[in-house]
Amino acid sequence: MMKWSWKEFLIAMGIRALRTFAQAFAGALTVGALWTEIQWIPALSAAGVAAVYSICMSLVTGLPEVPEAKQKPPAEADENTEENDANG
């Protein structure tokens, strides 16, 4: 039986949010023609919003990087294990 781990989930969620931030920021940078013409505040703002959205989605839908059994509270994981043991 796998144990549920907030630490592993939070690390995976942070990595995903950081990657999302970097992708959104890179997208905003490539739109500007010259470094002096880049609108830095809107680019950082859009990347920050994308990272917050990524965190919210991770909390609601879970993460594929973390096995499903590790995303459930311990009581739910134990119940599912007991059901599988009884059925199989």
Protein backbone atom coordinates (compact mmCIF):
# COMPACT_ATOMS: atom_id res chain seq x y z
CA MET A 1 0.00 0.00 0.00
CA MET A 2 1.29 3.46 -0.89
CA LYS A 3 1.17 6.17 1.74
CA TRP A 4 -0.29 9.59 1.08
CA SER A 5 2.33 12.34 1.12
CA TRP A 6 1.57 16.06 1.19
CA LYS A 7 5.28 16.81 0.79
CA GLU A 8 5.56 14.92 -2.49
CA PHE A 9 2.33 16.47 -3.77
CA LEU A 10 3.41 20.03 -2.87
CA ILE A 11 6.82 19.57 -4.49
CA ALA A 12 5.25 18.27 -7.70
CA MET A 13 2.68 21.09 -7.64
CA GLY A 14 5.43 23.70 -7.16
CA ILE A 15 7.47 22.31 -10.03
CA ARG A 16 4.42 22.35 -12.28
CA ALA A 17 3.57 25.94 -11.28
CA LEU A 18 7.17 27.06 -11.90
CA ARG A 19 7.18 25.45 -15.35
CA THR A 20 3.86 27.11 -16.18
CA PHE A 21 5.24 30.47 -15.02
CA ALA A 22 8.35 30.04 -17.19
CA GLN A 23 6.33 29.05 -20.26
CA ALA A 24 3.92 31.97 -19.91
CA PHE A 25 6.78 34.40 -19.31
CA ALA A 26 8.74 33.08 -22.29
CA GLY A 27 5.66 33.47 -24.45
CA ALA A 28 5.30 37.09 -23.39
CA LEU A 29 9.00 37.78 -24.07
CA THR A 30 8.98 36.36 -27.57
CA VAL A 31 6.15 38.68 -28.58
CA GLY A 32 8.31 41.80 -28.04
CA ALA A 33 10.56 42.79 -30.90
CA LEU A 34 13.40 44.24 -28.83
CA TRP A 35 14.39 43.87 -25.17
CA THR A 36 13.74 47.57 -24.67
CA GLU A 37 10.20 47.23 -26.05
CA ILE A 38 9.12 44.35 -23.80
CA GLN A 39 6.39 45.24 -21.32
CA TRP A 40 7.94 43.59 -18.23
CA ILE A 41 5.16 44.21 -15.69
CA PRO A 42 2.35 42.76 -17.86
CA ALA A 43 4.58 39.81 -18.80
CA LEU A 44 5.33 39.01 -15.15
CA SER A 45 1.69 39.56 -14.22
CA ALA A 46 0.42 37.16 -16.88
CA ALA A 47 2.99 34.54 -15.88
CA GLY A 48 2.01 34.92 -12.22
CA VAL A 49 -1.67 34.47 -13.02
CA ALA A 50 -0.83 31.36 -15.05
CA ALA A 51 1.14 29.92 -12.09
CA VAL A 52 -1.74 30.59 -9.67
CA TYR A 53 -4.17 28.97 -12.11
CA SER A 54 -1.85 25.96 -12.32
CA ILE A 55 -1.82 25.63 -8.51
CA CYS A 56 -5.63 25.85 -8.37
CA MET A 57 -6.01 23.19 -11.06
CA SER A 58 -3.52 20.93 -9.27
CA LEU A 59 -5.51 21.19 -6.05
CA VAL A 60 -8.81 20.48 -7.79
CA THR A 61 -7.85 17.79 -10.30
CA GLY A 62 -4.67 16.32 -8.85
CA LEU A 63 -1.36 15.71 -10.57
CA PRO A 64 -0.40 12.94 -12.97
CA GLU A 65 3.15 13.04 -11.53
CA VAL A 66 1.86 11.86 -8.14
CA PRO A 67 0.16 8.43 -8.12
CA GLU A 68 -3.58 8.59 -7.39
CA ALA A 69 -3.24 6.69 -4.11
CA LYS A 70 -0.89 9.40 -2.81
CA GLN A 71 -3.38 12.19 -3.59
CA LYS A 72 -6.13 10.84 -1.34
CA PRO A 73 -6.30 11.37 2.41
CA PRO A 74 -5.06 8.31 4.38
CA ALA A 75 -8.58 7.22 5.42
CA GLU A 76 -9.78 7.07 1.80
CA ALA A 77 -6.65 5.25 0.65
CA ASP A 78 -7.12 2.66 3.41
CA GLU A 79 -10.80 2.13 2.49
CA ASN A 80 -9.92 1.54 -1.18
CA THR A 81 -7.22 -0.93 -0.20
CA GLU A 82 -9.62 -2.85 2.05
CA GLU A 83 -12.22 -3.00 -0.75
CA ASN A 84 -9.63 -4.30 -3.22
CA ASP A 85 -8.44 -6.91 -0.71
CA ALA A 86 -12.01 -8.11 -0.15
CA ASN A 87 -12.74 -8.28 -3.90
CA GLY A 88 -9.52 -9.85 -5.03
